[in-house]
N, C-alpha and C. Protein backbone atom coordinates (compact mmCIF):
# COMPACT_ATOMS: atom_id res chain seq x y z
N MET A 1 -31.04 44.62 64.59
CA MET A 1 -30.91 43.41 63.25
C MET A 1 -29.66 42.32 63.94
N ILE A 2 -29.32 42.36 64.92
CA ILE A 2 -28.77 41.40 65.27
C ILE A 2 -29.72 40.36 65.81
N TYR A 3 -31.00 41.23 66.18
CA TYR A 3 -31.47 39.57 67.04
C TYR A 3 -32.97 39.75 65.98
N ILE A 4 -32.78 40.06 64.86
CA ILE A 4 -34.06 39.79 63.80
C ILE A 4 -32.96 38.54 63.09
N VAL A 5 -31.76 38.98 62.66
CA VAL A 5 -31.14 37.74 61.78
C VAL A 5 -30.89 36.72 62.61
N LEU A 6 -30.56 36.74 64.22
CA LEU A 6 -30.53 35.25 64.97
C LEU A 6 -32.04 34.65 65.19
N ALA A 7 -33.24 35.41 65.42
CA ALA A 7 -34.31 35.03 65.07
C ALA A 7 -34.89 34.46 63.68
N LEU A 8 -34.35 35.14 62.97
CA LEU A 8 -34.58 33.93 61.63
C LEU A 8 -33.75 32.80 61.00
N LEU A 9 -32.64 33.16 61.83
CA LEU A 9 -31.97 31.71 61.63
C LEU A 9 -32.91 30.87 62.61
N ALA A 10 -32.68 30.86 63.79
CA ALA A 10 -33.70 29.92 64.59
C ALA A 10 -35.05 29.57 63.87
N VAL A 11 -35.62 30.11 63.64
CA VAL A 11 -36.99 29.68 62.84
C VAL A 11 -36.58 28.75 61.71
N SER A 12 -35.77 28.97 61.04
CA SER A 12 -35.31 28.22 59.51
C SER A 12 -34.64 27.03 60.17
N ILE A 13 -33.91 26.87 60.86
CA ILE A 13 -33.26 25.29 61.67
C ILE A 13 -34.15 24.81 62.30
N LEU A 14 -34.98 25.51 63.01
CA LEU A 14 -36.37 24.68 63.58
C LEU A 14 -37.21 24.08 62.29
N LEU A 15 -37.53 24.81 61.75
CA LEU A 15 -38.43 24.43 60.02
C LEU A 15 -37.29 22.91 59.46
N VAL A 16 -36.22 23.06 59.15
CA VAL A 16 -35.46 22.27 58.48
C VAL A 16 -35.50 20.83 59.83
N VAL A 17 -35.17 21.00 60.82
CA VAL A 17 -35.29 20.29 61.93
C VAL A 17 -36.68 19.02 61.87
N ILE A 18 -37.29 19.84 62.12
CA ILE A 18 -39.00 19.13 61.60
C ILE A 18 -38.85 18.30 60.43
N ARG A 19 -38.34 19.03 59.19
CA ARG A 19 -38.44 17.92 57.95
C ARG A 19 -37.65 17.17 57.93
N PHE A 20 -36.30 17.29 59.20
CA PHE A 20 -35.55 16.16 59.20
C PHE A 20 -35.99 14.87 59.88
N VAL A 21 -36.70 15.61 60.48
CA VAL A 21 -37.41 14.35 61.57
C VAL A 21 -38.46 13.98 60.71
N LYS A 22 -39.58 14.25 60.20
CA LYS A 22 -40.50 13.78 59.44
C LYS A 22 -40.27 13.27 58.06
N GLY A 23 -39.00 13.72 57.12
CA GLY A 23 -39.11 13.15 56.08
C GLY A 23 -39.25 11.63 55.81
N PRO A 24 -40.35 11.54 55.09
CA PRO A 24 -41.00 10.18 54.50
C PRO A 24 -39.96 9.39 54.13
N THR A 25 -38.83 10.03 53.30
CA THR A 25 -38.03 9.34 52.50
C THR A 25 -36.67 9.69 53.21
N PRO A 26 -35.44 8.55 52.60
CA PRO A 26 -34.15 9.58 52.83
C PRO A 26 -33.90 10.65 51.80
N SER A 27 -34.82 10.72 51.02
CA SER A 27 -34.01 12.13 49.80
C SER A 27 -34.39 12.91 50.76
N ASP A 28 -35.76 13.31 51.19
CA ASP A 28 -36.49 14.29 52.02
C ASP A 28 -35.20 14.67 53.08
N ARG A 29 -34.69 13.72 53.90
CA ARG A 29 -34.25 13.97 55.13
C ARG A 29 -32.21 14.07 54.58
N VAL A 30 -32.24 13.83 53.35
CA VAL A 30 -30.75 14.19 52.80
C VAL A 30 -30.54 15.75 52.47
N VAL A 31 -31.88 16.31 51.92
CA VAL A 31 -32.34 17.56 51.29
C VAL A 31 -32.18 18.36 52.62
N ALA A 32 -33.12 18.28 53.83
CA ALA A 32 -33.05 18.46 55.00
C ALA A 32 -31.68 19.34 55.86
N LEU A 33 -30.70 17.84 55.36
CA LEU A 33 -29.12 17.94 56.17
C LEU A 33 -28.87 19.10 55.57
N ASP A 34 -29.01 19.16 54.02
CA ASP A 34 -27.77 20.18 53.12
C ASP A 34 -28.44 21.46 53.52
N THR A 35 -29.88 21.28 53.52
CA THR A 35 -30.56 23.08 53.97
C THR A 35 -30.15 23.25 55.31
N LEU A 36 -30.11 22.27 56.13
CA LEU A 36 -29.13 23.37 57.77
C LEU A 36 -27.90 23.20 57.64
N THR A 37 -26.80 22.30 56.25
CA THR A 37 -25.75 23.06 56.64
C THR A 37 -25.67 24.67 56.01
N ILE A 38 -26.42 24.35 54.87
CA ILE A 38 -26.46 25.71 54.17
C ILE A 38 -26.68 26.88 54.89
N ILE A 39 -27.44 26.99 56.34
CA ILE A 39 -27.98 27.69 57.40
C ILE A 39 -27.23 28.17 57.99
N SER A 40 -26.04 27.33 58.44
CA SER A 40 -25.03 27.14 59.56
C SER A 40 -24.05 27.66 58.80
N THR A 41 -23.94 27.99 57.61
CA THR A 41 -22.54 28.15 57.23
C THR A 41 -23.10 30.03 56.77
N ALA A 42 -24.32 30.02 56.28
CA ALA A 42 -24.71 31.36 56.23
C ALA A 42 -24.89 32.06 58.09
N GLY A 43 -25.03 31.41 59.09
CA GLY A 43 -24.43 32.15 60.41
C GLY A 43 -23.37 31.97 60.51
N LEU A 44 -22.59 31.33 60.25
CA LEU A 44 -21.43 31.69 60.37
C LEU A 44 -20.75 32.43 59.76
N VAL A 45 -21.07 32.80 58.07
CA VAL A 45 -21.02 34.49 57.75
C VAL A 45 -21.32 35.48 58.65
N PHE A 46 -22.88 35.12 58.92
CA PHE A 46 -22.88 36.75 60.00
C PHE A 46 -21.90 36.61 61.00
N LEU A 47 -21.61 35.82 61.75
CA LEU A 47 -20.62 35.82 63.10
C LEU A 47 -19.70 36.68 62.61
N SER A 48 -18.93 36.25 61.19
CA SER A 48 -17.69 36.88 60.53
C SER A 48 -17.98 38.57 60.42
N LEU A 49 -19.11 39.02 59.65
CA LEU A 49 -19.09 40.06 60.00
C LEU A 49 -19.30 40.72 61.05
N PHE A 50 -20.18 40.10 62.50
CA PHE A 50 -20.66 40.67 63.08
C PHE A 50 -19.24 40.83 64.49
N PHE A 51 -18.47 40.08 64.18
CA PHE A 51 -17.55 40.16 64.96
C PHE A 51 -15.93 40.20 64.37
N ASP A 52 -16.17 40.71 62.70
CA ASP A 52 -15.31 41.26 62.03
C ASP A 52 -14.05 40.58 62.28
N ARG A 53 -14.23 39.36 62.08
CA ARG A 53 -13.18 38.40 61.93
C ARG A 53 -13.49 37.56 61.01
N SER A 54 -11.84 37.57 59.83
CA SER A 54 -11.81 37.10 58.45
C SER A 54 -11.74 35.20 58.68
N ILE A 55 -11.45 34.94 59.79
CA ILE A 55 -11.63 33.40 60.19
C ILE A 55 -12.59 32.60 60.08
N TYR A 56 -13.76 33.33 60.35
CA TYR A 56 -15.20 32.25 60.18
C TYR A 56 -15.24 32.72 58.87
N LEU A 57 -14.82 33.47 57.93
CA LEU A 57 -15.57 33.28 56.60
C LEU A 57 -14.55 31.97 56.35
N ASP A 58 -13.20 31.60 56.46
CA ASP A 58 -12.81 30.72 56.13
C ASP A 58 -13.15 29.08 56.36
N VAL A 59 -13.57 29.47 57.54
CA VAL A 59 -14.38 28.26 57.74
C VAL A 59 -15.62 27.51 57.29
N SER A 60 -16.11 29.00 57.08
CA SER A 60 -17.71 28.62 56.32
C SER A 60 -17.11 28.36 54.75
N LEU A 61 -15.98 28.31 54.50
CA LEU A 61 -15.53 28.09 52.75
C LEU A 61 -15.64 26.55 52.82
N ILE A 62 -14.66 26.43 53.76
CA ILE A 62 -14.37 25.21 53.94
C ILE A 62 -15.59 23.97 54.24
N TYR A 63 -16.51 24.79 55.84
CA TYR A 63 -17.66 23.74 55.81
C TYR A 63 -18.61 23.84 54.84
N GLY A 64 -18.50 24.30 53.76
CA GLY A 64 -19.69 24.51 52.47
C GLY A 64 -18.88 23.22 51.54
N VAL A 65 -17.94 23.15 51.36
CA VAL A 65 -16.99 22.31 50.52
C VAL A 65 -17.33 20.95 51.04
N LEU A 66 -17.02 20.88 52.26
CA LEU A 66 -17.19 19.45 53.02
C LEU A 66 -18.71 18.98 52.83
N SER A 67 -19.71 20.02 52.87
CA SER A 67 -20.84 19.35 52.93
C SER A 67 -21.21 19.34 51.70
N PHE A 68 -20.67 19.92 50.80
CA PHE A 68 -21.29 19.79 49.30
C PHE A 68 -20.56 18.38 48.75
N ILE A 69 -19.36 18.13 49.25
CA ILE A 69 -18.88 16.44 49.09
C ILE A 69 -19.62 15.30 49.59
N GLY A 70 -20.59 16.18 51.38
CA GLY A 70 -21.00 14.87 51.98
C GLY A 70 -21.84 14.13 51.15
N VAL A 71 -22.86 15.87 50.77
CA VAL A 71 -24.46 15.51 50.32
C VAL A 71 -24.28 14.80 48.81
N LEU A 72 -22.45 15.27 48.01
CA LEU A 72 -22.73 13.69 46.89
C LEU A 72 -22.44 12.72 46.94
N THR A 73 -22.19 12.27 48.17
CA THR A 73 -21.74 10.71 48.50
C THR A 73 -23.03 10.19 48.64
N ILE A 74 -23.66 11.10 49.41
CA ILE A 74 -24.94 10.24 50.54
C ILE A 74 -25.52 10.13 49.07
N ALA A 75 -25.98 10.85 48.02
CA ALA A 75 -26.74 11.05 46.90
C ALA A 75 -26.35 9.52 46.17
N ARG A 76 -24.82 9.65 46.29
CA ARG A 76 -24.59 8.43 45.16
C ARG A 76 -24.64 7.00 45.91
N TYR A 77 -24.82 7.33 47.37
CA TYR A 77 -25.05 6.13 48.01
C TYR A 77 -26.45 5.35 47.87
N LEU A 78 -27.32 6.50 48.01
CA LEU A 78 -28.97 6.28 47.76
C LEU A 78 -29.34 5.86 46.36
N GLU A 79 -28.59 6.66 45.65
CA GLU A 79 -28.43 5.84 44.17
C GLU A 79 -28.28 4.73 43.80
N GLY A 80 -27.37 3.44 45.09
CA GLY A 80 -27.23 2.60 44.70
C GLY A 80 -25.46 2.31 44.22
N GLY A 81 -25.02 3.03 44.00
CA GLY A 81 -23.75 3.18 43.10
C GLY A 81 -22.41 3.67 44.11
N LEU A 82 -21.25 3.03 43.85
CA LEU A 82 -19.90 3.40 44.96
C LEU A 82 -19.14 3.98 44.04
């Protein structure tokens, strides 16, 4: 099961990076970056379950909140408002 989850995470990261590089508009790139952070958060949660360490859950929660704030900031910048 571990290999299946890691393979799915790797394939999804590869697809998102392709979208990030090929994205024709900046908003496509922002959505790809947000998706990449969500996949990374899911990977941290999986590591927390695999290693039975709760600290990874705390790290994933903080990472998720910072990612959300970052995407909101970038979206506001793209809209033209400060």
